[in-house]
Amino acid sequence: MTFNWYIIFLTALIPLVTGFIWYSNMLFGNPWKKASGVDPEKAGGNMALIFGLTYFFGLLISASLISIVIHQMHIGSLYQGDENAMKEGSEMMNFLMANADKFRTFKHGALHGFIASLFFVLPIVGIISLFERKGWKYIMIHTGYWAVTLMIMGGVICAYF
């Protein structure tokens, strides 16, 4: 399995695109502003730095999602130190190649993206929000954003990586 850098660089843009839509006034922008207490007019900040770091963090997420949405990465890592198992023509390598396309669909990657949002994002956002004294609306807006974002990222990675 070759590493597809194009997909990594492409999927790293997804948090920016979904964030632009999700936090727009057409969807959840106004409820988010109210729940967070943030006034974008007064917030300021270096937008180039914010977008640049968002893209960088998107790269980290994309690279880590590979191991979550592509099952063959797990199997291969089990035998990484065994030179004989990973040789071309070995029983393990034949097994991996024969099953390389199983569960490599957008739908399957989206499912794993949703699972990651449910079991990683919700608890993390929830814990931070509780200590920041934010309400459930705030938690659900952010968790919903990450659920949609990770589902799209996971789907693209699983189908096209």
C-alpha atoms as a PDB file:
ATOM      1  CA  MET A   1       0.000   0.000   0.000  1.00  0.00           C
ATOM      2  CA  THR A   2       1.551   3.278  -1.109  1.00  0.00           C
ATOM      3  CA  PHE A   3       1.179   6.460   0.882  1.00  0.00           C
ATOM      4  CA  ASN A   4      -1.045   8.902  -1.030  1.00  0.00           C
ATOM      5  CA  TRP A   5       0.121  12.371  -0.031  1.00  0.00           C
ATOM      6  CA  TYR A   6      -2.391  14.054  -2.335  1.00  0.00           C
ATOM      7  CA  ILE A   7      -5.295  12.675  -0.322  1.00  0.00           C
ATOM      8  CA  ILE A   8      -3.663  13.772   2.938  1.00  0.00           C
ATOM      9  CA  PHE A   9      -3.170  17.329   1.659  1.00  0.00           C
ATOM     10  CA  LEU A  10      -6.696  17.387   0.213  1.00  0.00           C
ATOM     11  CA  THR A  11      -8.468  16.057   3.299  1.00  0.00           C
ATOM     12  CA  ALA A  12      -6.575  18.536   5.498  1.00  0.00           C
ATOM     13  CA  LEU A  13      -8.677  21.245   3.805  1.00  0.00           C
ATOM     14  CA  ILE A  14     -11.954  19.642   4.903  1.00  0.00           C
ATOM     15  CA  PRO A  15     -11.984  21.150   8.443  1.00  0.00           C
ATOM     16  CA  LEU A  16     -11.638  24.618   6.885  1.00  0.00           C
ATOM     17  CA  VAL A  17     -14.417  24.054   4.358  1.00  0.00           C
ATOM     18  CA  THR A  18     -16.855  22.408   6.765  1.00  0.00           C
ATOM     19  CA  GLY A  19     -16.061  25.028   9.407  1.00  0.00           C
ATOM     20  CA  PHE A  20     -16.807  27.812   6.945  1.00  0.00           C
ATOM     21  CA  ILE A  21     -20.215  26.264   6.256  1.00  0.00           C
ATOM     22  CA  TRP A  22     -21.019  24.916   9.762  1.00  0.00           C
ATOM     23  CA  TYR A  23     -20.214  28.126  11.623  1.00  0.00           C
ATOM     24  CA  SER A  24     -21.813  30.399   9.004  1.00  0.00           C
ATOM     25  CA  ASN A  25     -24.924  32.369   9.875  1.00  0.00           C
ATOM     26  CA  MET A  26     -26.914  30.046   7.582  1.00  0.00           C
ATOM     27  CA  LEU A  27     -26.325  27.099   9.917  1.00  0.00           C
ATOM     28  CA  PHE A  28     -24.913  27.326  13.436  1.00  0.00           C
ATOM     29  CA  GLY A  29     -23.037  30.638  13.435  1.00  0.00           C
ATOM     30  CA  ASN A  30     -25.552  32.580  15.496  1.00  0.00           C
ATOM     31  CA  PRO A  31     -26.251  29.812  18.056  1.00  0.00           C
ATOM     32  CA  TRP A  32     -22.485  29.223  18.384  1.00  0.00           C
ATOM     33  CA  LYS A  33     -21.793  32.925  18.965  1.00  0.00           C
ATOM     34  CA  LYS A  34     -24.473  33.027  21.647  1.00  0.00           C
ATOM     35  CA  ALA A  35     -23.376  29.769  23.338  1.00  0.00           C
ATOM     36  CA  SER A  36     -19.671  30.648  23.262  1.00  0.00           C
ATOM     37  CA  GLY A  37     -19.959  34.327  24.083  1.00  0.00           C
ATOM     38  CA  VAL A  38     -17.608  35.151  21.224  1.00  0.00           C
ATOM     39  CA  ASP A  39     -18.162  38.293  19.190  1.00  0.00           C
ATOM     40  CA  PRO A  40     -16.200  37.812  15.935  1.00  0.00           C
ATOM     41  CA  GLU A  41     -16.224  41.587  15.371  1.00  0.00           C
ATOM     42  CA  LYS A  42     -14.253  42.114  18.591  1.00  0.00           C
ATOM     43  CA  ALA A  43     -12.267  38.868  18.580  1.00  0.00           C
ATOM     44  CA  GLY A  44      -9.484  40.040  16.274  1.00  0.00           C
ATOM     45  CA  GLY A  45      -6.556  37.724  15.695  1.00  0.00           C
ATOM     46  CA  ASN A  46      -4.251  36.944  12.821  1.00  0.00           C
ATOM     47  CA  MET A  47      -6.530  35.129  10.361  1.00  0.00           C
ATOM     48  CA  ALA A  48      -3.625  33.935   8.187  1.00  0.00           C
ATOM     49  CA  LEU A  49      -2.093  32.273  11.238  1.00  0.00           C
ATOM     50  CA  ILE A  50      -5.456  30.837  12.321  1.00  0.00           C
ATOM     51  CA  PHE A  51      -6.160  29.349   8.865  1.00  0.00           C
ATOM     52  CA  GLY A  52      -2.559  28.143   8.495  1.00  0.00           C
ATOM     53  CA  LEU A  53      -2.587  26.359  11.841  1.00  0.00           C
ATOM     54  CA  THR A  54      -6.045  24.947  11.106  1.00  0.00           C
ATOM     55  CA  TYR A  55      -4.648  23.448   7.899  1.00  0.00           C
ATOM     56  CA  PHE A  56      -1.607  22.087   9.782  1.00  0.00           C
ATOM     57  CA  PHE A  57      -3.858  20.496  12.415  1.00  0.00           C
ATOM     58  CA  GLY A  58      -5.970  19.112   9.554  1.00  0.00           C
ATOM     59  CA  LEU A  59      -2.823  17.426   8.213  1.00  0.00           C
ATOM     60  CA  LEU A  60      -2.262  15.786  11.596  1.00  0.00           C
ATOM     61  CA  ILE A  61      -5.871  14.605  11.725  1.00  0.00           C
ATOM     62  CA  SER A  62      -5.694  13.261   8.152  1.00  0.00           C
ATOM     63  CA  ALA A  63      -2.518  11.331   8.851  1.00  0.00           C
ATOM     64  CA  SER A  64      -3.966   9.798  12.008  1.00  0.00           C
ATOM     65  CA  LEU A  65      -7.304   8.905  10.409  1.00  0.00           C
ATOM     66  CA  ILE A  66      -5.528   6.540   8.022  1.00  0.00           C
ATOM     67  CA  SER A  67      -4.944   4.027  10.787  1.00  0.00           C
ATOM     68  CA  ILE A  68      -8.541   4.370  11.982  1.00  0.00           C
ATOM     69  CA  VAL A  69     -10.363   3.953   8.666  1.00  0.00           C
ATOM     70  CA  ILE A  70      -8.106   1.507   6.796  1.00  0.00           C
ATOM     71  CA  HIS A  71      -8.074  -1.904   8.465  1.00  0.00           C
ATOM     72  CA  GLN A  72      -5.088  -3.204   6.512  1.00  0.00           C
ATOM     73  CA  MET A  73      -2.892  -0.669   8.297  1.00  0.00           C
ATOM     74  CA  HIS A  74      -3.624  -2.443  11.589  1.00  0.00           C
ATOM     75  CA  ILE A  75      -2.896  -5.894  10.247  1.00  0.00           C
ATOM     76  CA  GLY A  76       0.326  -4.772   8.607  1.00  0.00           C
ATOM     77  CA  SER A  77       1.516  -3.119  11.805  1.00  0.00           C
ATOM     78  CA  LEU A  78       1.101  -6.386  13.709  1.00  0.00           C
ATOM     79  CA  TYR A  79       3.781  -7.999  11.571  1.00  0.00           C
ATOM     80  CA  GLN A  80       5.997  -5.000  10.979  1.00  0.00           C
ATOM     81  CA  GLY A  81       8.991  -6.425  12.836  1.00  0.00           C
ATOM     82  CA  ASP A  82       8.680  -9.878  11.236  1.00  0.00           C
ATOM     83  CA  GLU A  83      10.744  -9.742   8.044  1.00  0.00           C
ATOM     84  CA  ASN A  84       9.470 -13.109   6.821  1.00  0.00           C
ATOM     85  CA  ALA A  85       5.805 -12.239   7.261  1.00  0.00           C
ATOM     86  CA  MET A  86       6.075  -9.050   5.221  1.00  0.00           C
ATOM     87  CA  LYS A  87       8.125 -10.455   2.316  1.00  0.00           C
ATOM     88  CA  GLU A  88       6.476 -10.472  -1.065  1.00  0.00           C
ATOM     89  CA  GLY A  89       4.869 -13.875  -1.636  1.00  0.00           C
ATOM     90  CA  SER A  90       4.618 -14.679   2.075  1.00  0.00           C
ATOM     91  CA  GLU A  91       1.347 -15.978   3.472  1.00  0.00           C
ATOM     92  CA  MET A  92       0.708 -12.730   5.356  1.00  0.00           C
ATOM     93  CA  MET A  93       1.504 -10.516   2.371  1.00  0.00           C
ATOM     94  CA  ASN A  94      -0.728 -12.653   0.139  1.00  0.00           C
ATOM     95  CA  PHE A  95      -3.523 -12.330   2.705  1.00  0.00           C
ATOM     96  CA  LEU A  96      -3.118  -8.551   2.896  1.00  0.00           C
ATOM     97  CA  MET A  97      -3.110  -8.145  -0.878  1.00  0.00           C
ATOM     98  CA  ALA A  98      -6.097 -10.479  -1.352  1.00  0.00           C
ATOM     99  CA  ASN A  99      -8.113  -8.429   1.149  1.00  0.00           C
ATOM    100  CA  ALA A 100      -6.761  -4.978   0.300  1.00  0.00           C
ATOM    101  CA  ASP A 101     -10.050  -3.689  -1.086  1.00  0.00           C
ATOM    102  CA  LYS A 102     -12.356  -4.982   1.641  1.00  0.00           C
ATOM    103  CA  PHE A 103     -14.130  -2.197   3.479  1.00  0.00           C
ATOM    104  CA  ARG A 104     -12.451   0.487   1.345  1.00  0.00           C
ATOM    105  CA  THR A 105     -15.528   2.591   0.656  1.00  0.00           C
ATOM    106  CA  PHE A 106     -16.580   6.129   1.455  1.00  0.00           C
ATOM    107  CA  LYS A 107     -19.440   4.796   3.567  1.00  0.00           C
ATOM    108  CA  HIS A 108     -17.123   2.643   5.688  1.00  0.00           C
ATOM    109  CA  GLY A 109     -14.676   5.513   6.240  1.00  0.00           C
ATOM    110  CA  ALA A 110     -17.556   7.811   7.174  1.00  0.00           C
ATOM    111  CA  LEU A 111     -18.734   5.248   9.716  1.00  0.00           C
ATOM    112  CA  HIS A 112     -15.307   5.214  11.363  1.00  0.00           C
ATOM    113  CA  GLY A 113     -15.225   9.021  11.260  1.00  0.00           C
ATOM    114  CA  PHE A 114     -18.545   9.077  13.111  1.00  0.00           C
ATOM    115  CA  ILE A 115     -17.314   6.526  15.656  1.00  0.00           C
ATOM    116  CA  ALA A 116     -14.185   8.639  16.242  1.00  0.00           C
ATOM    117  CA  SER A 117     -16.325  11.723  16.785  1.00  0.00           C
ATOM    118  CA  LEU A 118     -18.564   9.877  19.217  1.00  0.00           C
ATOM    119  CA  PHE A 119     -15.829   8.226  21.286  1.00  0.00           C
ATOM    120  CA  PHE A 120     -13.024  10.825  21.012  1.00  0.00           C
ATOM    121  CA  VAL A 121     -14.447  14.215  20.118  1.00  0.00           C
ATOM    122  CA  LEU A 122     -17.595  14.204  22.263  1.00  0.00           C
ATOM    123  CA  PRO A 123     -15.734  13.325  25.486  1.00  0.00           C
ATOM    124  CA  ILE A 124     -12.911  15.795  24.786  1.00  0.00           C
ATOM    125  CA  VAL A 125     -15.213  18.664  23.832  1.00  0.00           C
ATOM    126  CA  GLY A 126     -17.529  17.724  26.688  1.00  0.00           C
ATOM    127  CA  ILE A 127     -14.808  17.775  29.326  1.00  0.00           C
ATOM    128  CA  ILE A 128     -13.365  21.083  28.120  1.00  0.00           C
ATOM    129  CA  SER A 129     -16.852  22.610  27.886  1.00  0.00           C
ATOM    130  CA  LEU A 130     -17.799  21.498  31.384  1.00  0.00           C
ATOM    131  CA  PHE A 131     -14.753  23.213  32.866  1.00  0.00           C
ATOM    132  CA  GLU A 132     -15.410  26.300  30.728  1.00  0.00           C
ATOM    133  CA  ARG A 133     -18.996  26.269  32.067  1.00  0.00           C
ATOM    134  CA  LYS A 134     -20.477  25.974  28.574  1.00  0.00           C
ATOM    135  CA  GLY A 135     -23.861  24.374  27.980  1.00  0.00           C
ATOM    136  CA  TRP A 136     -24.988  21.343  26.000  1.00  0.00           C
ATOM    137  CA  LYS A 137     -25.830  23.473  22.970  1.00  0.00           C
ATOM    138  CA  TYR A 138     -22.171  24.518  22.764  1.00  0.00           C
ATOM    139  CA  ILE A 139     -21.040  20.899  23.140  1.00  0.00           C
ATOM    140  CA  MET A 140     -23.440  19.632  20.467  1.00  0.00           C
ATOM    141  CA  ILE A 141     -22.558  22.387  17.965  1.00  0.00           C
ATOM    142  CA  HIS A 142     -18.842  21.546  18.179  1.00  0.00           C
ATOM    143  CA  THR A 143     -19.340  17.787  18.304  1.00  0.00           C
ATOM    144  CA  GLY A 144     -21.691  17.975  15.329  1.00  0.00           C
ATOM    145  CA  TYR A 145     -19.096  19.929  13.372  1.00  0.00           C
ATOM    146  CA  TRP A 146     -16.427  17.338  14.132  1.00  0.00           C
ATOM    147  CA  ALA A 147     -18.774  14.456  13.367  1.00  0.00           C
ATOM    148  CA  VAL A 148     -19.509  15.837   9.893  1.00  0.00           C
ATOM    149  CA  THR A 149     -15.860  16.787   9.332  1.00  0.00           C
ATOM    150  CA  LEU A 150     -14.445  13.421  10.414  1.00  0.00           C
ATOM    151  CA  MET A 151     -17.084  11.520   8.457  1.00  0.00           C
ATOM    152  CA  ILE A 152     -16.139  13.350   5.254  1.00  0.00           C
ATOM    153  CA  MET A 153     -12.396  13.052   5.942  1.00  0.00           C
ATOM    154  CA  GLY A 154     -12.683   9.367   6.865  1.00  0.00           C
ATOM    155  CA  GLY A 155     -14.809   8.651   3.823  1.00  0.00           C
ATOM    156  CA  VAL A 156     -12.410  10.317   1.408  1.00  0.00           C
ATOM    157  CA  ILE A 157      -9.352   8.676   2.986  1.00  0.00           C
ATOM    158  CA  CYS A 158     -10.935   5.221   3.034  1.00  0.00           C
ATOM    159  CA  ALA A 159     -12.210   5.410  -0.540  1.00  0.00           C
ATOM    160  CA  TYR A 160      -9.280   7.109  -2.252  1.00  0.00           C
ATOM    161  CA  PHE A 161      -6.113   6.589  -0.185  1.00  0.00           C
END
